Amino acid sequence: MPESGSLAGRAALVTGAGVGIGRAIAESLAAAGAFVGVHCHRSLDGANETLAAIRQLGGDGIVLPADLSSDVEAIRIVDRFVEAAGRLDILVNNAGSPIERRKIEDCPLDLWRQILDTNLTSAFVVTQRAIPHLKRSGHGAIVNNLSLSVQTGGANGAGPYAVAKGGLQVLTRTLARELAPDVRVNAIMPGVIETRHHEVFTTPERMEQYRRETPLGRNGTADEVASVVRFLVSDEARFVTGALMDINGGRFLR
């Protein structure tokens, strides 16, 4: 440590970092030298495990429990992180969940609002609070985690989730224009990644179907997503902003 694409001396806040893709991103950024804020909501044990893994890598960070659907808590984690790290150079808006699968015609208004708050409004609030710090960084970078459902329209009742992630896609491009040249803003669009998310929301049979439909012959891993994020926030990607990076093994091509 640090690896190629050094982030030594930088501070990175990763939302939803207790499990899955978020954990892999947090550990990858720490391995490259960053001080990492490990946000979690219900996965406090997982967040503590992430921080322990970071410290085993020789890095450091802080666990930040919060319900980001609460504006007050979303603002507070940015403030707490900056207080602990002394700066904020990198923001990864990874937190999100379909919460519950419902077709649009059957989606209650309160569930609709909860899905948008969890997946879109929370990223807006956290980002807005982070912007002044990112502008001062000299290396400011944001990465937003979208979803393949943006391309598919959200099959099997994931429509409201797809709508929220579609809003995050537009927010990415809006911020890329508004924050240039001080802050670069990009997004990742993972395909089917072998994480707990799919253990909850996808049957084993459908996961096998996804594998067969993927040209590279398999589903992805969280570490493979994390490596793309690490590149996007590094100086190696200093001329990349407003990009949407597909990480899906060729299953969907734009």
C-alpha atoms as a PDB file:
ATOM      1  CA  MET A   1       0.000   0.000   0.000  1.00  0.00           C
ATOM      2  CA  PRO A   2      -0.584   2.396  -1.708  1.00  0.00           C
ATOM      3  CA  GLU A   3      -1.374   0.769  -5.047  1.00  0.00           C
ATOM      4  CA  SER A   4      -1.115   2.165  -8.555  1.00  0.00           C
ATOM      5  CA  GLY A   5      -3.495   5.089  -8.859  1.00  0.00           C
ATOM      6  CA  SER A   6      -2.440   6.283  -5.414  1.00  0.00           C
ATOM      7  CA  LEU A   7      -5.032   8.010  -3.239  1.00  0.00           C
ATOM      8  CA  ALA A   8      -2.601   8.619  -0.389  1.00  0.00           C
ATOM      9  CA  GLY A   9      -3.579  11.629   1.691  1.00  0.00           C
ATOM     10  CA  ARG A  10      -7.127  11.705   0.354  1.00  0.00           C
ATOM     11  CA  ALA A  11     -10.388  11.122   2.174  1.00  0.00           C
ATOM     12  CA  ALA A  12     -13.256   9.118   0.675  1.00  0.00           C
ATOM     13  CA  LEU A  13     -16.834   8.789   1.905  1.00  0.00           C
ATOM     14  CA  VAL A  14     -18.609   5.657   0.656  1.00  0.00           C
ATOM     15  CA  THR A  15     -22.315   5.242   1.380  1.00  0.00           C
ATOM     16  CA  GLY A  16     -23.733   1.764   1.805  1.00  0.00           C
ATOM     17  CA  ALA A  17     -20.295   0.352   2.565  1.00  0.00           C
ATOM     18  CA  GLY A  18     -21.249  -2.334   5.083  1.00  0.00           C
ATOM     19  CA  VAL A  19     -21.781  -5.087   2.526  1.00  0.00           C
ATOM     20  CA  GLY A  20     -21.372  -6.065  -1.108  1.00  0.00           C
ATOM     21  CA  ILE A  21     -20.207  -3.568  -3.692  1.00  0.00           C
ATOM     22  CA  GLY A  22     -19.913  -0.751  -1.137  1.00  0.00           C
ATOM     23  CA  ARG A  23     -17.619  -2.811   1.072  1.00  0.00           C
ATOM     24  CA  ALA A  24     -15.421  -3.745  -1.876  1.00  0.00           C
ATOM     25  CA  ILE A  25     -15.183  -0.086  -2.923  1.00  0.00           C
ATOM     26  CA  ALA A  26     -14.282   1.052   0.593  1.00  0.00           C
ATOM     27  CA  GLU A  27     -11.557  -1.574   0.910  1.00  0.00           C
ATOM     28  CA  SER A  28     -10.192  -0.810  -2.563  1.00  0.00           C
ATOM     29  CA  LEU A  29      -9.939   2.926  -1.893  1.00  0.00           C
ATOM     30  CA  ALA A  30      -8.283   2.223   1.448  1.00  0.00           C
ATOM     31  CA  ALA A  31      -5.781  -0.101  -0.255  1.00  0.00           C
ATOM     32  CA  ALA A  32      -4.890   2.810  -2.546  1.00  0.00           C
ATOM     33  CA  GLY A  33      -4.172   4.983   0.501  1.00  0.00           C
ATOM     34  CA  ALA A  34      -7.414   6.847   1.251  1.00  0.00           C
ATOM     35  CA  PHE A  35      -8.934   7.469   4.672  1.00  0.00           C
ATOM     36  CA  VAL A  36     -12.420   5.991   4.261  1.00  0.00           C
ATOM     37  CA  GLY A  37     -15.803   6.831   5.734  1.00  0.00           C
ATOM     38  CA  VAL A  38     -17.804   3.595   5.942  1.00  0.00           C
ATOM     39  CA  HIS A  39     -21.480   4.513   5.943  1.00  0.00           C
ATOM     40  CA  CYS A  40     -24.133   1.948   6.818  1.00  0.00           C
ATOM     41  CA  HIS A  41     -27.802   1.871   7.704  1.00  0.00           C
ATOM     42  CA  ARG A  42     -28.863  -1.575   8.919  1.00  0.00           C
ATOM     43  CA  SER A  43     -25.502  -3.286   8.408  1.00  0.00           C
ATOM     44  CA  LEU A  44     -23.547  -1.940  11.385  1.00  0.00           C
ATOM     45  CA  ASP A  45     -21.811  -5.273  11.983  1.00  0.00           C
ATOM     46  CA  GLY A  46     -20.844  -5.353   8.325  1.00  0.00           C
ATOM     47  CA  ALA A  47     -19.532  -1.788   8.479  1.00  0.00           C
ATOM     48  CA  ASN A  48     -17.374  -2.651  11.475  1.00  0.00           C
ATOM     49  CA  GLU A  49     -16.032  -5.653   9.540  1.00  0.00           C
ATOM     50  CA  THR A  50     -15.255  -3.369   6.594  1.00  0.00           C
ATOM     51  CA  LEU A  51     -13.332  -0.997   8.848  1.00  0.00           C
ATOM     52  CA  ALA A  52     -11.457  -3.922  10.416  1.00  0.00           C
ATOM     53  CA  ALA A  53     -10.466  -5.107   6.935  1.00  0.00           C
ATOM     54  CA  ILE A  54      -9.307  -1.593   6.057  1.00  0.00           C
ATOM     55  CA  ARG A  55      -7.117  -1.490   9.134  1.00  0.00           C
ATOM     56  CA  GLN A  56      -5.661  -4.884   8.251  1.00  0.00           C
ATOM     57  CA  LEU A  57      -4.623  -3.288   4.946  1.00  0.00           C
ATOM     58  CA  GLY A  58      -2.755  -0.650   6.945  1.00  0.00           C
ATOM     59  CA  GLY A  59      -5.378   2.026   6.337  1.00  0.00           C
ATOM     60  CA  ASP A  60      -7.883   3.803   8.541  1.00  0.00           C
ATOM     61  CA  GLY A  61     -11.381   5.213   8.493  1.00  0.00           C
ATOM     62  CA  ILE A  62     -14.566   5.746  10.450  1.00  0.00           C
ATOM     63  CA  VAL A  63     -17.941   3.997  10.619  1.00  0.00           C
ATOM     64  CA  LEU A  64     -20.903   6.307  10.019  1.00  0.00           C
ATOM     65  CA  PRO A  65     -24.331   4.784  10.746  1.00  0.00           C
ATOM     66  CA  ALA A  66     -27.243   6.779   9.291  1.00  0.00           C
ATOM     67  CA  ASP A  67     -30.602   6.475   7.579  1.00  0.00           C
ATOM     68  CA  LEU A  68     -29.952   8.548   4.469  1.00  0.00           C
ATOM     69  CA  SER A  69     -33.662   8.871   3.725  1.00  0.00           C
ATOM     70  CA  SER A  70     -33.568  11.379   6.608  1.00  0.00           C
ATOM     71  CA  ASP A  71     -32.220  14.711   5.362  1.00  0.00           C
ATOM     72  CA  VAL A  72     -30.852  15.510   8.828  1.00  0.00           C
ATOM     73  CA  GLU A  73     -28.906  12.256   9.047  1.00  0.00           C
ATOM     74  CA  ALA A  74     -27.656  12.548   5.454  1.00  0.00           C
ATOM     75  CA  ILE A  75     -26.219  15.989   6.184  1.00  0.00           C
ATOM     76  CA  ARG A  76     -24.788  14.822   9.509  1.00  0.00           C
ATOM     77  CA  ILE A  77     -22.655  12.018   8.043  1.00  0.00           C
ATOM     78  CA  VAL A  78     -20.872  14.474   5.750  1.00  0.00           C
ATOM     79  CA  ASP A  79     -20.179  16.802   8.660  1.00  0.00           C
ATOM     80  CA  ARG A  80     -19.003  13.944  10.894  1.00  0.00           C
ATOM     81  CA  PHE A  81     -16.745  12.579   8.195  1.00  0.00           C
ATOM     82  CA  VAL A  82     -15.095  15.930   7.489  1.00  0.00           C
ATOM     83  CA  GLU A  83     -14.614  16.464  11.221  1.00  0.00           C
ATOM     84  CA  ALA A  84     -12.852  13.089  11.471  1.00  0.00           C
ATOM     85  CA  ALA A  85     -10.845  13.246   8.234  1.00  0.00           C
ATOM     86  CA  GLY A  86     -10.199  16.972   8.029  1.00  0.00           C
ATOM     87  CA  ARG A  87     -11.156  16.975   4.340  1.00  0.00           C
ATOM     88  CA  LEU A  88     -13.322  15.297   1.701  1.00  0.00           C
ATOM     89  CA  ASP A  89     -11.869  14.431  -1.703  1.00  0.00           C
ATOM     90  CA  ILE A  90     -14.007  11.529  -2.915  1.00  0.00           C
ATOM     91  CA  LEU A  91     -17.713  10.762  -2.589  1.00  0.00           C
ATOM     92  CA  VAL A  92     -19.175   7.439  -3.709  1.00  0.00           C
ATOM     93  CA  ASN A  93     -22.986   7.439  -3.632  1.00  0.00           C
ATOM     94  CA  ASN A  94     -23.440   3.682  -3.467  1.00  0.00           C
ATOM     95  CA  ALA A  95     -26.319   3.287  -0.984  1.00  0.00           C
ATOM     96  CA  GLY A  96     -29.622   2.154  -2.430  1.00  0.00           C
ATOM     97  CA  SER A  97     -32.245  -0.558  -2.486  1.00  0.00           C
ATOM     98  CA  PRO A  98     -35.372  -1.536  -4.416  1.00  0.00           C
ATOM     99  CA  ILE A  99     -36.950  -1.928  -0.944  1.00  0.00           C
ATOM    100  CA  GLU A 100     -39.946  -3.813  -2.343  1.00  0.00           C
ATOM    101  CA  ARG A 101     -40.840  -4.985  -5.837  1.00  0.00           C
ATOM    102  CA  ARG A 102     -44.079  -3.420  -7.122  1.00  0.00           C
ATOM    103  CA  LYS A 103     -45.328  -2.617 -10.592  1.00  0.00           C
ATOM    104  CA  ILE A 104     -46.038   1.073 -11.126  1.00  0.00           C
ATOM    105  CA  GLU A 105     -49.822   0.508 -11.202  1.00  0.00           C
ATOM    106  CA  ASP A 106     -49.665  -1.243  -7.816  1.00  0.00           C
ATOM    107  CA  CYS A 107     -47.089   0.957  -6.066  1.00  0.00           C
ATOM    108  CA  PRO A 108     -48.504   2.877  -3.072  1.00  0.00           C
ATOM    109  CA  LEU A 109     -47.498   6.535  -2.964  1.00  0.00           C
ATOM    110  CA  ASP A 110     -45.693   6.142   0.349  1.00  0.00           C
ATOM    111  CA  LEU A 111     -43.558   3.299  -1.058  1.00  0.00           C
ATOM    112  CA  TRP A 112     -42.844   5.349  -4.205  1.00  0.00           C
ATOM    113  CA  ARG A 113     -41.593   8.232  -2.079  1.00  0.00           C
ATOM    114  CA  GLN A 114     -39.546   5.897   0.111  1.00  0.00           C
ATOM    115  CA  ILE A 115     -37.820   4.390  -2.940  1.00  0.00           C
ATOM    116  CA  LEU A 116     -37.024   7.826  -4.397  1.00  0.00           C
ATOM    117  CA  ASP A 117     -35.811   9.121  -1.034  1.00  0.00           C
ATOM    118  CA  THR A 118     -33.551   6.092  -0.525  1.00  0.00           C
ATOM    119  CA  ASN A 119     -32.048   5.985  -4.014  1.00  0.00           C
ATOM    120  CA  LEU A 120     -32.149   9.543  -5.365  1.00  0.00           C
ATOM    121  CA  THR A 121     -32.938  12.230  -2.801  1.00  0.00           C
ATOM    122  CA  SER A 122     -30.406  10.839  -0.339  1.00  0.00           C
ATOM    123  CA  ALA A 123     -27.640  11.127  -2.965  1.00  0.00           C
ATOM    124  CA  PHE A 124     -28.751  14.689  -3.717  1.00  0.00           C
ATOM    125  CA  VAL A 125     -28.624  15.718  -0.055  1.00  0.00           C
ATOM    126  CA  VAL A 126     -25.269  14.062   0.676  1.00  0.00           C
ATOM    127  CA  THR A 127     -23.737  15.464  -2.513  1.00  0.00           C
ATOM    128  CA  GLN A 128     -25.022  18.980  -1.937  1.00  0.00           C
ATOM    129  CA  ARG A 129     -23.491  18.998   1.543  1.00  0.00           C
ATOM    130  CA  ALA A 130     -20.218  17.572   0.205  1.00  0.00           C
ATOM    131  CA  ILE A 131     -19.752  19.950  -2.732  1.00  0.00           C
ATOM    132  CA  PRO A 132     -17.942  22.789  -0.906  1.00  0.00           C
ATOM    133  CA  HIS A 133     -15.409  20.329   0.510  1.00  0.00           C
ATOM    134  CA  LEU A 134     -14.937  18.572  -2.828  1.00  0.00           C
ATOM    135  CA  LYS A 135     -14.340  21.902  -4.574  1.00  0.00           C
ATOM    136  CA  ARG A 136     -11.581  22.747  -2.103  1.00  0.00           C
ATOM    137  CA  SER A 137      -9.919  19.361  -2.527  1.00  0.00           C
ATOM    138  CA  GLY A 138      -8.048  19.910  -5.767  1.00  0.00           C
ATOM    139  CA  HIS A 139      -8.839  16.244  -6.537  1.00  0.00           C
ATOM    140  CA  GLY A 140     -12.626  16.264  -6.064  1.00  0.00           C
ATOM    141  CA  ALA A 141     -14.415  13.243  -7.519  1.00  0.00           C
ATOM    142  CA  ILE A 142     -17.903  11.785  -7.251  1.00  0.00           C
ATOM    143  CA  VAL A 143     -19.045   8.358  -8.422  1.00  0.00           C
ATOM    144  CA  ASN A 144     -22.733   7.423  -8.403  1.00  0.00           C
ATOM    145  CA  ASN A 145     -23.832   3.778  -8.470  1.00  0.00           C
ATOM    146  CA  LEU A 146     -26.685   3.322 -10.922  1.00  0.00           C
ATOM    147  CA  SER A 147     -28.335   0.061 -11.956  1.00  0.00           C
ATOM    148  CA  LEU A 148     -28.842  -2.017 -15.062  1.00  0.00           C
ATOM    149  CA  SER A 149     -32.552  -1.397 -14.475  1.00  0.00           C
ATOM    150  CA  VAL A 150     -31.992   2.072 -15.975  1.00  0.00           C
ATOM    151  CA  GLN A 151     -31.543   0.282 -19.315  1.00  0.00           C
ATOM    152  CA  THR A 152     -34.158  -2.436 -18.846  1.00  0.00           C
ATOM    153  CA  GLY A 153     -36.904  -0.302 -17.280  1.00  0.00           C
ATOM    154  CA  GLY A 154     -36.948  -2.379 -14.121  1.00  0.00           C
ATOM    155  CA  ALA A 155     -38.221  -5.897 -14.741  1.00  0.00           C
ATOM    156  CA  ASN A 156     -40.225  -7.913 -12.208  1.00  0.00           C
ATOM    157  CA  GLY A 157     -41.554  -4.949 -10.252  1.00  0.00           C
ATOM    158  CA  ALA A 158     -38.328  -2.936 -10.057  1.00  0.00           C
ATOM    159  CA  GLY A 159     -39.835  -0.040 -12.024  1.00  0.00           C
ATOM    160  CA  PRO A 160     -39.884   2.522  -9.190  1.00  0.00           C
ATOM    161  CA  TYR A 161     -36.255   1.631  -8.402  1.00  0.00           C
ATOM    162  CA  ALA A 162     -35.338   2.054 -12.078  1.00  0.00           C
ATOM    163  CA  VAL A 163     -36.992   5.482 -12.122  1.00  0.00           C
ATOM    164  CA  ALA A 164     -34.991   6.578  -9.081  1.00  0.00           C
ATOM    165  CA  LYS A 165     -31.730   5.319 -10.570  1.00  0.00           C
ATOM    166  CA  GLY A 166     -32.613   7.013 -13.861  1.00  0.00           C
ATOM    167  CA  GLY A 167     -32.885  10.274 -11.960  1.00  0.00           C
ATOM    168  CA  LEU A 168     -29.451   9.604 -10.470  1.00  0.00           C
ATOM    169  CA  GLN A 169     -28.091   9.114 -13.982  1.00  0.00           C
ATOM    170  CA  VAL A 170     -29.339  12.566 -15.037  1.00  0.00           C
ATOM    171  CA  LEU A 171     -28.057  14.051 -11.780  1.00  0.00           C
ATOM    172  CA  THR A 172     -24.617  12.648 -12.626  1.00  0.00           C
ATOM    173  CA  ARG A 173     -24.498  14.475 -15.941  1.00  0.00           C
ATOM    174  CA  THR A 174     -25.939  17.673 -14.484  1.00  0.00           C
ATOM    175  CA  LEU A 175     -23.304  17.719 -11.739  1.00  0.00           C
ATOM    176  CA  ALA A 176     -20.536  16.914 -14.229  1.00  0.00           C
ATOM    177  CA  ARG A 177     -21.352  20.152 -16.033  1.00  0.00           C
ATOM    178  CA  GLU A 178     -22.087  22.286 -12.981  1.00  0.00           C
ATOM    179  CA  LEU A 179     -19.041  21.271 -10.936  1.00  0.00           C
ATOM    180  CA  ALA A 180     -16.412  21.289 -13.692  1.00  0.00           C
ATOM    181  CA  PRO A 181     -13.529  21.943 -13.606  1.00  0.00           C
ATOM    182  CA  ASP A 182     -13.276  21.618  -9.809  1.00  0.00           C
ATOM    183  CA  VAL A 183     -14.978  18.234  -9.345  1.00  0.00           C
ATOM    184  CA  ARG A 184     -15.292  15.281 -11.718  1.00  0.00           C
ATOM    185  CA  VAL A 185     -18.568  13.349 -11.606  1.00  0.00           C
ATOM    186  CA  ASN A 186     -19.078   9.903 -13.120  1.00  0.00           C
ATOM    187  CA  ALA A 187     -21.352   6.917 -12.687  1.00  0.00           C
ATOM    188  CA  ILE A 188     -21.054   3.159 -12.790  1.00  0.00           C
ATOM    189  CA  MET A 189     -23.781   0.889 -14.109  1.00  0.00           C
ATOM    190  CA  PRO A 190     -23.126  -2.614 -12.768  1.00  0.00           C
ATOM    191  CA  GLY A 191     -24.779  -5.603 -14.358  1.00  0.00           C
ATOM    192  CA  VAL A 192     -25.469  -8.753 -12.382  1.00  0.00           C
ATOM    193  CA  ILE A 193     -22.931  -8.822  -9.561  1.00  0.00           C
ATOM    194  CA  GLU A 194     -22.705 -11.727  -7.111  1.00  0.00           C
ATOM    195  CA  THR A 195     -23.666  -9.964  -3.864  1.00  0.00           C
ATOM    196  CA  ARG A 196     -26.178 -10.288  -1.030  1.00  0.00           C
ATOM    197  CA  HIS A 197     -28.492  -7.945  -2.971  1.00  0.00           C
ATOM    198  CA  HIS A 198     -29.242 -10.730  -5.435  1.00  0.00           C
ATOM    199  CA  GLU A 199     -29.503 -13.303  -2.660  1.00  0.00           C
ATOM    200  CA  VAL A 200     -32.437 -11.209  -1.401  1.00  0.00           C
ATOM    201  CA  PHE A 201     -34.057 -10.033  -4.633  1.00  0.00           C
ATOM    202  CA  THR A 202     -33.148 -12.674  -7.273  1.00  0.00           C
ATOM    203  CA  THR A 203     -33.738 -16.419  -7.408  1.00  0.00           C
ATOM    204  CA  PRO A 204     -30.824 -18.819  -8.034  1.00  0.00           C
ATOM    205  CA  GLU A 205     -32.529 -19.896 -11.261  1.00  0.00           C
ATOM    206  CA  ARG A 206     -32.624 -16.333 -12.571  1.00  0.00           C
ATOM    207  CA  MET A 207     -28.983 -15.779 -11.562  1.00  0.00           C
ATOM    208  CA  GLU A 208     -28.061 -18.820 -13.649  1.00  0.00           C
ATOM    209  CA  GLN A 209     -30.089 -17.426 -16.540  1.00  0.00           C
ATOM    210  CA  TYR A 210     -28.208 -14.118 -16.263  1.00  0.00           C
ATOM    211  CA  ARG A 211     -24.919 -16.009 -16.340  1.00  0.00           C
ATOM    212  CA  ARG A 212     -25.910 -17.810 -19.540  1.00  0.00           C
ATOM    213  CA  GLU A 213     -26.985 -14.543 -21.176  1.00  0.00           C
ATOM    214  CA  THR A 214     -23.684 -12.790 -20.431  1.00  0.00           C
ATOM    215  CA  PRO A 215     -21.108 -12.921 -23.270  1.00  0.00           C
ATOM    216  CA  LEU A 216     -18.217 -13.253 -20.813  1.00  0.00           C
ATOM    217  CA  GLY A 217     -19.910 -16.383 -19.462  1.00  0.00           C
ATOM    218  CA  ARG A 218     -20.359 -15.397 -15.824  1.00  0.00           C
ATOM    219  CA  ASN A 219     -21.768 -12.821 -13.426  1.00  0.00           C
ATOM    220  CA  GLY A 220     -19.506 -10.122 -12.009  1.00  0.00           C
ATOM    221  CA  THR A 221     -17.843  -9.668  -8.625  1.00  0.00           C
ATOM    222  CA  ALA A 222     -17.879  -6.728  -6.239  1.00  0.00           C
ATOM    223  CA  ASP A 223     -14.091  -6.415  -6.538  1.00  0.00           C
ATOM    224  CA  GLU A 224     -14.406  -5.925 -10.295  1.00  0.00           C
ATOM    225  CA  VAL A 225     -16.809  -3.038  -9.727  1.00  0.00           C
ATOM    226  CA  ALA A 226     -14.532  -1.554  -7.066  1.00  0.00           C
ATOM    227  CA  SER A 227     -11.543  -1.516  -9.419  1.00  0.00           C
ATOM    228  CA  VAL A 228     -13.486   0.658 -11.885  1.00  0.00           C
ATOM    229  CA  VAL A 229     -14.479   3.068  -9.119  1.00  0.00           C
ATOM    230  CA  ARG A 230     -10.880   3.297  -7.924  1.00  0.00           C
ATOM    231  CA  PHE A 231      -9.825   4.229 -11.458  1.00  0.00           C
ATOM    232  CA  LEU A 232     -12.565   6.860 -11.829  1.00  0.00           C
ATOM    233  CA  VAL A 233     -11.621   8.699  -8.632  1.00  0.00           C
ATOM    234  CA  SER A 234      -7.873   8.572  -9.331  1.00  0.00           C
ATOM    235  CA  ASP A 235      -5.755  11.079 -11.211  1.00  0.00           C
ATOM    236  CA  GLU A 236      -5.417   8.479 -13.946  1.00  0.00           C
ATOM    237  CA  ALA A 237      -8.994   9.415 -14.933  1.00  0.00           C
ATOM    238  CA  ARG A 238      -8.430  13.170 -14.684  1.00  0.00           C
ATOM    239  CA  PHE A 239      -9.963  13.787 -18.158  1.00  0.00           C
ATOM    240  CA  VAL A 240     -13.042  11.632 -17.469  1.00  0.00           C
ATOM    241  CA  THR A 241     -16.249  13.321 -16.295  1.00  0.00           C
ATOM    242  CA  GLY A 242     -19.910  12.781 -17.082  1.00  0.00           C
ATOM    243  CA  ALA A 243     -19.227   9.164 -18.053  1.00  0.00           C
ATOM    244  CA  LEU A 244     -21.496   6.178 -17.447  1.00  0.00           C
ATOM    245  CA  MET A 245     -19.310   3.083 -17.088  1.00  0.00           C
ATOM    246  CA  ASP A 246     -20.980  -0.225 -17.935  1.00  0.00           C
ATOM    247  CA  ILE A 247     -19.742  -3.178 -15.868  1.00  0.00           C
ATOM    248  CA  ASN A 248     -21.898  -6.011 -17.111  1.00  0.00           C
ATOM    249  CA  GLY A 249     -19.750  -8.528 -19.015  1.00  0.00           C
ATOM    250  CA  GLY A 250     -21.290  -7.424 -22.306  1.00  0.00           C
ATOM    251  CA  ARG A 251     -24.832  -8.428 -21.352  1.00  0.00           C
ATOM    252  CA  PHE A 252     -26.217  -5.020 -22.336  1.00  0.00           C
ATOM    253  CA  LEU A 253     -24.486  -2.767 -24.829  1.00  0.00           C
ATOM    254  CA  ARG A 254     -25.379   0.901 -25.244  1.00  0.00           C
END
